[in-house]
Amino acid sequence: MSATRLWIKHPLATFTANNQDASGGLVIHDGVITELLAVGQSPAAPVDEVFNARVHVVLPGLVNTHHHFYQTLTRAWAPMVNQPLFPWLKTLYPVWARLTPDALALASRVALAELLLSGCTTAADHHYLFPDGLEDAIDIQVEAVRALGMRALLTRGSMSLGEADGGLPPQHTVQQAEAILLDSERLIGLYHERADGAQIQIGLAPCSPFSVTPDIMRASAALAERHDVRLHTHLAETLDEEEFCQQRFGMRTVDYLQSVGWLGPRTWLAHGIHFDDCEVARLGAAGVGICHCPCSNMRLASGICRTLELEEAGAVIGLGVDGSASNDGSNMILEARQALLLQRLRYGAEQITPERVLSWATRGSAHVLGRKDIGELAVGKQADLALFKQDELQFSGSHDPVAALLLCGAHRADRVMVGGQWRVVDGQIEGLDVAGLIADHRQAAKRLVQ
């Protein structure tokens, strides 16, 4: 972190996610925001550097609450382009089972670089594939996050219910409970950071009702309680999943969640589409987090999350890009645009404003991940920033700079800061050979599907 005092001065516009006035900019010291300034105000003490942001819209760094980094290797693969979730998964499981450490490292770097270029500073990944030779998958991801200088909540996923026992995954992709829990505990002890400004955190994430046993769900909840880490899973993504829960467990998804000890504020769920009114109320009362993944939900024709009812009931709403085999990109500002458009179909234009959706992508997503030190521009928060220019053709004629980010389709940040350090400058990631990364990643993708 830089010890200098930096003034991000006179931005074109700011979105703070908390209605504070930062129209005159903000001051950063030791990686933390120390002042918000109104127009006409100057810093309270001398600064060492000034960055003139007069052509930039300044946001808190975007926070992605659900991803599968490894899936960047299977984007737009012809055999699954037109399939819904269950057959899509059945087609892809055997391919993903061939994942190697080198391929995962490349896939993770690509996903993180895409996110960073889109203004994302913190990402949650859900990795649940540990074939022979890939036992250290999360360790590989830790290295990738550190190399890009981002923050991440890396969840130790799991699959323990294979086809032979009535689950969806092939038998050779599942693990025994003991191996899952031992590795989960190892990762928490080795990597989980708890203080403000944490770069790496660990969560526990049994994959889904159709790929893990209730026993591993209960054991994961107990382990998370013991170590005070978060819990994550897919839930209520499709009607097929609802039917699976009814047939196998004799209950709907939220009843299942409660039966395994997951209905509480430690939990956040990916998708959360097919809840009835009573379930929405129960999730809200429990303070469960919901990650809305609009692009993936549209791509797989899964449905539309009931964001406003969930939020009004007390649930916390964030956004996620989901895996790059069902999006098929890792772009958080475009995900926010898609959330705006999709949610307007459900609730209308008056309620789904650009500011509301940007709040989901920043402060809401931070709260979903259990973090209070990121996701907004405020004194004492981490200096994680995304700065967007509006000098491209699609912005010509726009008037409201904040609304224009989503309505006109911003897709790439000009500058991105994490903890007071510039990680993207002039639209380029500092120190990253993007052309070389693309070349290596493309070769790995070809090998995987051969």
Protein backbone atom coordinates (compact mmCIF):
# COMPACT_ATOMS: atom_id res chain seq x y z
CA MET A 1 0.00 0.00 0.00
CA SER A 2 1.11 3.51 -0.74
CA ALA A 3 1.98 5.79 2.21
CA THR A 4 1.37 8.89 0.11
CA ARG A 5 -1.77 11.00 0.36
CA LEU A 6 -3.58 10.95 -2.98
CA TRP A 7 -6.44 13.24 -3.98
CA ILE A 8 -8.75 11.83 -6.67
CA LYS A 9 -9.87 15.31 -7.70
CA HIS A 10 -12.99 16.76 -9.35
CA PRO A 11 -14.53 13.62 -10.87
CA LEU A 12 -17.03 13.92 -13.70
CA ALA A 13 -19.44 12.08 -11.37
CA THR A 14 -19.33 9.76 -8.38
CA PHE A 15 -21.49 6.93 -7.12
CA THR A 16 -20.72 6.30 -3.46
CA ALA A 17 -23.36 3.58 -2.75
CA ASN A 18 -24.34 5.46 0.41
CA ASN A 19 -25.67 8.86 -0.78
CA GLN A 20 -22.65 10.75 0.57
CA ASP A 21 -21.28 13.71 -1.36
CA ALA A 22 -17.97 13.03 -3.07
CA SER A 23 -18.48 15.49 -5.94
CA GLY A 24 -15.13 17.14 -5.15
CA GLY A 25 -13.33 13.83 -4.97
CA LEU A 26 -11.74 11.74 -2.25
CA VAL A 27 -8.45 11.48 -0.41
CA ILE A 28 -6.62 8.18 0.06
CA HIS A 29 -3.88 7.40 2.56
CA ASP A 30 -2.31 4.03 3.38
CA GLY A 31 -4.82 2.24 1.15
CA VAL A 32 -7.86 3.67 2.94
CA ILE A 33 -10.28 6.49 2.10
CA THR A 34 -9.66 9.29 4.60
CA GLU A 35 -11.83 12.11 3.20
CA LEU A 36 -14.81 12.67 0.92
CA LEU A 37 -14.93 16.17 -0.52
CA ALA A 38 -17.80 18.23 -1.88
CA VAL A 39 -17.31 20.60 -4.81
CA GLY A 40 -15.18 23.54 -3.70
CA GLN A 41 -13.63 21.72 -0.75
CA SER A 42 -9.93 20.96 -0.48
CA PRO A 43 -8.22 18.24 1.54
CA ALA A 44 -7.77 18.98 5.24
CA ALA A 45 -4.02 18.40 5.00
CA PRO A 46 -1.49 18.65 2.15
CA VAL A 47 -1.49 15.79 -0.37
CA ASP A 48 1.47 14.20 -2.12
CA GLU A 49 -0.29 13.43 -5.40
CA VAL A 50 -3.31 14.63 -7.31
CA PHE A 51 -5.15 12.63 -9.95
CA ASN A 52 -7.50 14.78 -11.99
CA ALA A 53 -10.63 12.69 -12.56
CA ARG A 54 -12.59 15.30 -14.51
CA VAL A 55 -13.31 12.80 -17.32
CA HIS A 56 -14.01 9.84 -15.03
CA VAL A 57 -17.06 8.44 -13.28
CA VAL A 58 -15.78 7.10 -9.95
CA LEU A 59 -17.39 4.06 -8.32
CA PRO A 60 -16.49 1.73 -5.47
CA GLY A 61 -14.75 -1.32 -6.88
CA LEU A 62 -17.40 -3.76 -8.10
CA VAL A 63 -17.81 -6.97 -6.12
CA ASN A 64 -18.58 -10.27 -7.87
CA THR A 65 -20.29 -12.74 -5.54
CA HIS A 66 -20.40 -15.90 -7.68
CA HIS A 67 -18.08 -17.29 -10.32
CA HIS A 68 -16.44 -20.51 -11.52
CA PHE A 69 -13.04 -19.38 -12.81
CA TYR A 70 -12.22 -22.71 -14.44
CA GLN A 71 -15.16 -22.38 -16.84
CA THR A 72 -13.37 -19.76 -18.97
CA LEU A 73 -11.95 -22.83 -20.75
CA THR A 74 -15.37 -23.98 -22.00
CA ARG A 75 -17.05 -20.85 -23.33
CA ALA A 76 -19.47 -21.20 -26.23
CA TRP A 77 -18.62 -24.89 -26.68
CA ALA A 78 -20.96 -26.12 -29.40
CA PRO A 79 -22.35 -29.29 -27.69
CA MET A 80 -23.85 -27.27 -24.81
CA VAL A 81 -24.70 -23.91 -26.40
CA ASN A 82 -28.46 -24.60 -26.56
CA GLN A 83 -28.99 -26.71 -23.43
CA PRO A 84 -30.70 -25.92 -20.09
CA LEU A 85 -28.93 -26.54 -16.79
CA PHE A 86 -29.18 -30.29 -16.16
CA PRO A 87 -28.21 -31.53 -19.65
CA TRP A 88 -25.70 -28.66 -19.86
CA LEU A 89 -24.02 -29.96 -16.71
CA LYS A 90 -24.17 -33.60 -17.84
CA THR A 91 -22.42 -32.61 -21.08
CA LEU A 92 -19.72 -30.61 -19.33
CA TYR A 93 -18.90 -32.70 -16.24
CA PRO A 94 -16.70 -35.21 -18.14
CA VAL A 95 -14.84 -32.35 -19.84
CA TRP A 96 -14.24 -30.45 -16.61
CA ALA A 97 -12.99 -33.65 -14.96
CA ARG A 98 -9.93 -33.44 -17.24
CA LEU A 99 -8.87 -30.12 -15.71
CA THR A 100 -5.16 -29.88 -14.87
CA PRO A 101 -3.29 -27.55 -12.50
CA ASP A 102 -1.78 -25.57 -15.38
CA ALA A 103 -5.17 -25.22 -17.08
CA LEU A 104 -6.81 -24.04 -13.84
CA ALA A 105 -4.06 -21.47 -13.30
CA LEU A 106 -4.61 -20.07 -16.80
CA ALA A 107 -8.39 -20.11 -16.46
CA SER A 108 -8.21 -18.30 -13.12
CA ARG A 109 -5.87 -15.62 -14.45
CA VAL A 110 -8.15 -15.01 -17.43
CA ALA A 111 -11.27 -14.75 -15.26
CA LEU A 112 -9.59 -12.40 -12.80
CA ALA A 113 -8.11 -10.22 -15.54
CA GLU A 114 -11.50 -9.89 -17.22
CA LEU A 115 -13.11 -8.95 -13.93
CA LEU A 116 -10.42 -6.42 -13.10
CA LEU A 117 -10.73 -4.73 -16.49
CA SER A 118 -14.48 -4.43 -15.93
CA GLY A 119 -13.99 -2.51 -12.67
CA CYS A 120 -14.24 -5.49 -10.30
CA THR A 121 -11.85 -5.48 -7.34
CA THR A 122 -13.20 -8.40 -5.25
CA ALA A 123 -14.45 -11.76 -6.51
CA ALA A 124 -15.94 -14.88 -4.95
CA ASP A 125 -15.17 -18.11 -6.74
CA HIS A 126 -16.97 -21.42 -6.27
CA HIS A 127 -14.58 -24.26 -7.15
CA TYR A 128 -15.93 -27.76 -6.60
CA LEU A 129 -13.83 -29.94 -8.98
CA PHE A 130 -10.90 -31.82 -7.47
CA PRO A 131 -9.97 -34.66 -9.86
CA ASP A 132 -6.77 -36.64 -9.27
CA GLY A 133 -3.83 -34.28 -9.55
CA LEU A 134 -5.90 -31.18 -8.75
CA GLU A 135 -6.11 -31.56 -4.99
CA ASP A 136 -4.46 -28.13 -4.56
CA ALA A 137 -6.95 -26.26 -6.75
CA ILE A 138 -7.66 -23.51 -4.20
CA ASP A 139 -3.94 -22.97 -3.59
CA ILE A 140 -3.56 -22.40 -7.35
CA GLN A 141 -6.34 -19.82 -7.24
CA VAL A 142 -4.73 -18.03 -4.29
CA GLU A 143 -1.60 -17.53 -6.37
CA ALA A 144 -3.62 -16.14 -9.28
CA VAL A 145 -5.46 -13.65 -7.05
CA ARG A 146 -2.23 -12.45 -5.48
CA ALA A 147 -0.57 -12.04 -8.88
CA LEU A 148 -3.40 -9.76 -10.07
CA GLY A 149 -3.47 -7.79 -6.80
CA MET A 150 -7.21 -8.29 -6.29
CA ARG A 151 -9.26 -9.51 -3.32
CA ALA A 152 -11.11 -12.83 -3.30
CA LEU A 153 -13.31 -15.07 -1.24
CA LEU A 154 -12.33 -18.50 -2.54
CA THR A 155 -14.84 -21.16 -1.59
CA ARG A 156 -13.79 -24.75 -1.12
CA GLY A 157 -16.57 -26.43 -3.05
CA SER A 158 -17.42 -30.10 -3.06
CA MET A 159 -19.37 -32.83 -4.82
CA SER A 160 -20.08 -36.01 -2.87
CA LEU A 161 -23.24 -37.39 -4.50
CA GLY A 162 -22.44 -39.15 -7.77
CA GLU A 163 -24.62 -40.82 -10.39
CA ALA A 164 -24.35 -44.21 -8.70
CA ASP A 165 -26.11 -42.79 -5.65
CA GLY A 166 -28.74 -40.75 -7.47
CA GLY A 167 -26.80 -37.52 -8.00
CA LEU A 168 -25.98 -35.70 -11.21
CA PRO A 169 -22.13 -35.72 -11.41
CA PRO A 170 -20.16 -38.70 -12.80
CA GLN A 171 -18.82 -40.91 -10.04
CA HIS A 172 -15.17 -40.09 -10.77
CA THR A 173 -15.78 -36.39 -10.01
CA VAL A 174 -17.00 -36.84 -6.42
CA GLN A 175 -14.97 -36.92 -3.20
CA GLN A 176 -15.39 -38.58 0.16
CA ALA A 177 -16.56 -36.42 3.05
CA GLU A 178 -13.36 -36.88 5.07
CA ALA A 179 -11.17 -35.56 2.24
CA ILE A 180 -13.49 -32.59 1.71
CA LEU A 181 -13.55 -31.58 5.36
CA LEU A 182 -9.83 -32.06 5.95
CA ASP A 183 -8.95 -29.90 2.97
CA SER A 184 -11.51 -27.29 3.99
CA GLU A 185 -9.95 -27.00 7.42
CA ARG A 186 -6.45 -26.86 5.91
CA LEU A 187 -7.40 -23.98 3.61
CA ILE A 188 -9.06 -21.97 6.37
CA GLY A 189 -6.00 -22.31 8.59
CA LEU A 190 -3.57 -21.49 5.81
CA TYR A 191 -5.24 -18.63 3.95
CA HIS A 192 -8.28 -17.08 5.65
CA GLU A 193 -7.67 -13.43 6.59
CA ARG A 194 -10.06 -11.75 9.01
CA ALA A 195 -8.96 -8.11 9.39
CA ASP A 196 -10.17 -5.15 7.33
CA GLY A 197 -8.35 -5.07 4.03
CA ALA A 198 -8.18 -8.87 3.78
CA GLN A 199 -6.97 -10.03 0.39
CA ILE A 200 -7.79 -13.75 0.65
CA GLN A 201 -10.70 -15.29 2.50
CA ILE A 202 -12.00 -18.86 2.45
CA GLY A 203 -15.60 -20.10 2.47
CA LEU A 204 -17.21 -23.54 2.33
CA ALA A 205 -19.41 -24.36 -0.64
CA PRO A 206 -20.97 -27.79 -1.21
CA CYS A 207 -22.05 -27.48 -4.80
CA SER A 208 -25.82 -28.07 -4.98
CA PRO A 209 -28.64 -30.31 -3.70
CA PHE A 210 -28.16 -32.64 -6.67
CA SER A 211 -24.39 -33.10 -6.21
CA VAL A 212 -23.77 -33.36 -2.44
CA THR A 213 -25.22 -35.37 0.42
CA PRO A 214 -27.12 -33.80 3.33
CA ASP A 215 -24.32 -35.10 5.59
CA ILE A 216 -21.68 -32.95 3.90
CA MET A 217 -24.04 -29.97 4.05
CA ARG A 218 -24.44 -30.42 7.82
CA ALA A 219 -20.75 -31.05 8.39
CA SER A 220 -19.81 -27.98 6.34
CA ALA A 221 -22.23 -25.83 8.34
CA ALA A 222 -20.69 -27.07 11.60
CA LEU A 223 -17.15 -26.43 10.33
CA ALA A 224 -18.11 -22.94 9.14
CA GLU A 225 -19.63 -22.16 12.53
CA ARG A 226 -16.51 -23.39 14.32
CA HIS A 227 -14.15 -21.29 12.20
CA ASP A 228 -16.49 -18.34 11.55
CA VAL A 229 -16.39 -18.51 7.76
CA ARG A 230 -19.17 -18.17 5.23
CA LEU A 231 -21.29 -20.80 3.50
CA HIS A 232 -22.24 -20.83 -0.17
CA THR A 233 -24.19 -23.09 -2.53
CA HIS A 234 -26.41 -23.08 -5.61
CA LEU A 235 -30.09 -23.14 -4.74
CA ALA A 236 -33.44 -22.81 -6.52
CA GLU A 237 -31.79 -22.15 -9.87
CA THR A 238 -34.19 -24.25 -11.95
CA LEU A 239 -37.48 -26.11 -11.69
CA ASP A 240 -35.56 -29.35 -12.35
CA GLU A 241 -33.67 -28.75 -9.12
CA GLU A 242 -36.93 -28.14 -7.26
CA GLU A 243 -38.29 -31.42 -8.58
CA PHE A 244 -35.06 -33.22 -7.59
CA CYS A 245 -35.38 -31.96 -3.99
CA GLN A 246 -39.01 -33.01 -3.81
CA GLN A 247 -38.24 -36.51 -5.09
CA ARG A 248 -35.04 -37.16 -3.14
CA PHE A 249 -35.63 -35.30 0.12
CA GLY A 250 -39.41 -34.96 0.14
CA MET A 251 -39.19 -31.20 0.60
CA ARG A 252 -38.70 -27.94 -1.26
CA THR A 253 -35.33 -26.20 -1.45
CA VAL A 254 -35.72 -23.80 1.51
CA ASP A 255 -37.03 -26.59 3.75
CA TYR A 256 -33.98 -28.59 2.70
CA LEU A 257 -31.72 -25.63 3.50
CA GLN A 258 -33.19 -25.40 6.99
CA SER A 259 -32.98 -29.17 7.52
CA VAL A 260 -29.20 -29.11 7.06
CA GLY A 261 -28.60 -26.06 9.27
CA TRP A 262 -27.98 -23.49 6.55
CA LEU A 263 -30.85 -21.03 7.02
CA GLY A 264 -28.96 -18.12 8.55
CA PRO A 265 -26.91 -14.98 7.86
CA ARG A 266 -23.68 -16.93 7.29
CA THR A 267 -25.18 -18.32 4.06
CA TRP A 268 -25.37 -16.83 0.60
CA LEU A 269 -27.04 -18.54 -2.34
CA ALA A 270 -26.30 -18.42 -6.04
CA HIS A 271 -29.35 -17.72 -8.25
CA GLY A 272 -32.27 -18.07 -5.82
CA ILE A 273 -34.95 -17.91 -8.51
CA HIS A 274 -37.75 -20.33 -7.67
CA PHE A 275 -38.91 -19.31 -4.20
CA ASP A 276 -42.57 -18.92 -3.25
CA ASP A 277 -43.83 -16.07 -1.05
CA CYS A 278 -43.41 -17.97 2.19
CA GLU A 279 -39.85 -18.98 1.27
CA VAL A 280 -38.96 -15.40 0.38
CA ALA A 281 -40.15 -14.31 3.83
CA ARG A 282 -38.17 -17.06 5.57
CA LEU A 283 -34.97 -16.27 3.67
CA GLY A 284 -35.37 -12.59 4.46
CA ALA A 285 -36.03 -13.20 8.15
CA ALA A 286 -32.90 -15.34 8.31
CA GLY A 287 -30.77 -12.66 6.63
CA VAL A 288 -29.59 -14.98 3.85
CA GLY A 289 -27.64 -13.41 0.98
CA ILE A 290 -28.75 -13.90 -2.61
CA CYS A 291 -26.45 -13.58 -5.62
CA HIS A 292 -28.42 -12.58 -8.71
CA CYS A 293 -26.77 -13.86 -11.91
CA PRO A 294 -28.85 -12.33 -14.72
CA CYS A 295 -26.71 -13.29 -17.73
CA SER A 296 -26.43 -16.93 -16.70
CA ASN A 297 -30.12 -17.13 -15.79
CA MET A 298 -31.04 -15.84 -19.25
CA ARG A 299 -28.42 -17.96 -21.04
CA LEU A 300 -29.74 -21.19 -19.49
CA ALA A 301 -33.38 -19.99 -19.50
CA SER A 302 -33.57 -20.63 -15.75
CA GLY A 303 -35.85 -17.76 -14.71
CA ILE A 304 -35.74 -14.33 -13.04
CA CYS A 305 -34.72 -13.79 -9.42
CA ARG A 306 -37.32 -12.06 -7.19
CA THR A 307 -34.82 -9.45 -6.03
CA LEU A 308 -37.16 -6.78 -4.68
CA GLU A 309 -39.37 -9.12 -2.68
CA LEU A 310 -36.27 -10.81 -1.24
CA GLU A 311 -34.66 -7.47 -0.40
CA GLU A 312 -37.82 -6.10 1.17
CA ALA A 313 -38.11 -9.27 3.27
CA GLY A 314 -34.60 -8.72 4.67
CA ALA A 315 -32.36 -10.75 2.36
CA VAL A 316 -29.18 -9.12 1.07
CA ILE A 317 -28.89 -8.85 -2.74
CA GLY A 318 -25.63 -8.92 -4.67
CA LEU A 319 -24.60 -9.63 -8.24
CA GLY A 320 -22.43 -12.31 -9.81
CA VAL A 321 -21.29 -13.15 -13.30
CA ASP A 322 -21.48 -16.94 -12.69
CA GLY A 323 -19.19 -19.29 -14.56
CA SER A 324 -17.91 -18.40 -17.99
CA ALA A 325 -19.57 -21.43 -19.55
CA SER A 326 -22.98 -19.94 -18.84
CA ASN A 327 -22.44 -16.19 -19.30
CA ASP A 328 -20.00 -16.47 -21.26
CA GLY A 329 -17.86 -13.65 -19.90
CA SER A 330 -16.53 -12.24 -16.65
CA ASN A 331 -17.59 -8.60 -16.89
CA MET A 332 -19.18 -7.06 -13.80
CA ILE A 333 -20.23 -3.72 -15.27
CA LEU A 334 -22.03 -5.51 -18.11
CA GLU A 335 -23.59 -7.85 -15.54
CA ALA A 336 -24.99 -4.80 -13.77
CA ARG A 337 -26.45 -3.54 -17.06
CA GLN A 338 -28.09 -6.93 -17.62
CA ALA A 339 -29.49 -6.89 -14.09
CA LEU A 340 -31.04 -3.50 -14.75
CA LEU A 341 -32.73 -4.65 -17.95
CA LEU A 342 -33.87 -8.06 -16.73
CA GLN A 343 -35.23 -6.79 -13.41
CA ARG A 344 -37.16 -4.03 -15.18
CA LEU A 345 -39.08 -6.77 -16.98
CA ARG A 346 -40.27 -8.00 -13.61
CA TYR A 347 -40.67 -4.77 -11.63
CA GLY A 348 -40.83 -1.89 -14.08
CA ALA A 349 -38.55 1.04 -14.83
CA GLU A 350 -39.52 3.18 -11.84
CA GLN A 351 -38.25 0.73 -9.22
CA ILE A 352 -35.16 -0.67 -10.91
CA THR A 353 -32.91 2.37 -11.23
CA PRO A 354 -29.25 2.41 -12.26
CA GLU A 355 -28.37 3.52 -8.73
CA ARG A 356 -30.20 0.61 -7.17
CA VAL A 357 -28.47 -1.91 -9.40
CA LEU A 358 -25.05 -0.34 -8.85
CA SER A 359 -25.74 -0.62 -5.11
CA TRP A 360 -26.28 -4.35 -5.58
CA ALA A 361 -22.98 -4.59 -7.48
CA THR A 362 -21.03 -2.75 -4.77
CA ARG A 363 -22.34 -2.35 -1.23
CA GLY A 364 -24.89 -5.16 -1.54
CA SER A 365 -22.37 -7.62 -2.92
CA ALA A 366 -19.87 -6.69 -0.21
CA HIS A 367 -22.48 -7.41 2.46
CA VAL A 368 -23.34 -10.72 0.77
CA LEU A 369 -19.69 -11.72 1.29
CA GLY A 370 -19.78 -10.55 4.91
CA ARG A 371 -17.48 -7.57 4.31
CA LYS A 372 -17.99 -4.12 5.77
CA ASP A 373 -14.68 -2.62 4.64
CA ILE A 374 -15.38 -2.50 0.89
CA GLY A 375 -18.25 -1.77 -1.50
CA GLU A 376 -18.75 1.96 -0.88
CA LEU A 377 -16.95 5.28 -0.92
CA ALA A 378 -16.77 6.35 2.71
CA VAL A 379 -14.15 7.40 5.24
CA GLY A 380 -12.44 4.34 6.68
CA LYS A 381 -13.31 2.03 3.77
CA GLN A 382 -10.67 0.38 1.64
CA ALA A 383 -9.55 2.44 -1.36
CA ASP A 384 -10.98 0.05 -3.96
CA LEU A 385 -12.12 2.16 -6.92
CA ALA A 386 -13.28 1.77 -10.50
CA LEU A 387 -12.95 4.78 -12.81
CA PHE A 388 -14.77 4.82 -16.13
CA LYS A 389 -14.33 7.22 -19.03
CA GLN A 390 -17.22 8.04 -21.34
CA ASP A 391 -15.29 9.05 -24.44
CA GLU A 392 -16.42 6.18 -26.68
CA LEU A 393 -18.98 6.62 -29.43
CA GLN A 394 -21.82 4.92 -27.54
CA PHE A 395 -21.70 7.63 -24.85
CA SER A 396 -21.99 10.57 -27.24
CA GLY A 397 -25.16 12.49 -26.44
CA SER A 398 -25.57 11.00 -22.94
CA HIS A 399 -26.38 13.38 -20.07
CA ASP A 400 -26.42 11.53 -16.74
CA PRO A 401 -22.93 9.99 -16.35
CA VAL A 402 -23.92 7.44 -13.69
CA ALA A 403 -27.00 6.22 -15.56
CA ALA A 404 -25.00 6.17 -18.79
CA LEU A 405 -22.64 3.55 -17.40
CA LEU A 406 -25.45 1.00 -17.57
CA LEU A 407 -27.81 2.44 -20.16
CA CYS A 408 -25.10 3.13 -22.73
CA GLY A 409 -23.18 -0.05 -22.01
CA ALA A 410 -19.85 0.71 -20.32
CA HIS A 411 -17.75 -2.42 -20.65
CA ARG A 412 -14.22 -1.54 -19.59
CA ALA A 413 -12.75 0.56 -16.77
CA ASP A 414 -10.05 3.08 -17.57
CA ARG A 415 -8.47 2.82 -14.12
CA VAL A 416 -8.93 0.41 -11.22
CA MET A 417 -7.45 0.72 -7.74
CA VAL A 418 -7.25 -1.95 -5.06
CA GLY A 419 -6.15 -0.94 -1.59
CA GLY A 420 -4.71 2.33 -2.82
CA GLN A 421 -2.68 0.72 -5.62
CA TRP A 422 -3.48 1.25 -9.29
CA ARG A 423 -3.98 -2.16 -10.88
CA VAL A 424 -5.45 -0.92 -14.18
CA VAL A 425 -4.05 2.19 -15.87
CA ASP A 426 -5.29 3.49 -19.22
CA GLY A 427 -7.39 0.37 -19.66
CA GLN A 428 -4.43 -1.99 -19.22
CA ILE A 429 -3.53 -4.27 -16.31
CA GLU A 430 -0.18 -3.26 -14.91
CA GLY A 431 2.48 -5.90 -15.64
CA LEU A 432 0.22 -8.44 -17.38
CA ASP A 433 1.10 -9.87 -20.80
CA VAL A 434 -2.49 -10.17 -22.02
CA ALA A 435 -1.56 -11.41 -25.51
CA GLY A 436 0.58 -14.18 -24.06
CA LEU A 437 -2.12 -15.13 -21.58
CA ILE A 438 -4.73 -15.37 -24.35
CA ALA A 439 -2.46 -17.56 -26.49
CA ASP A 440 -1.74 -19.99 -23.64
CA HIS A 441 -5.36 -20.04 -22.48
CA ARG A 442 -6.68 -20.80 -25.98
CA GLN A 443 -4.35 -23.77 -26.29
CA ALA A 444 -5.44 -25.10 -22.90
CA ALA A 445 -9.10 -24.71 -23.87
CA LYS A 446 -8.56 -26.68 -27.09
CA ARG A 447 -6.79 -29.49 -25.25
CA LEU A 448 -9.56 -29.75 -22.67
CA VAL A 449 -12.36 -30.47 -25.15
CA GLN A 450 -10.42 -32.78 -27.48
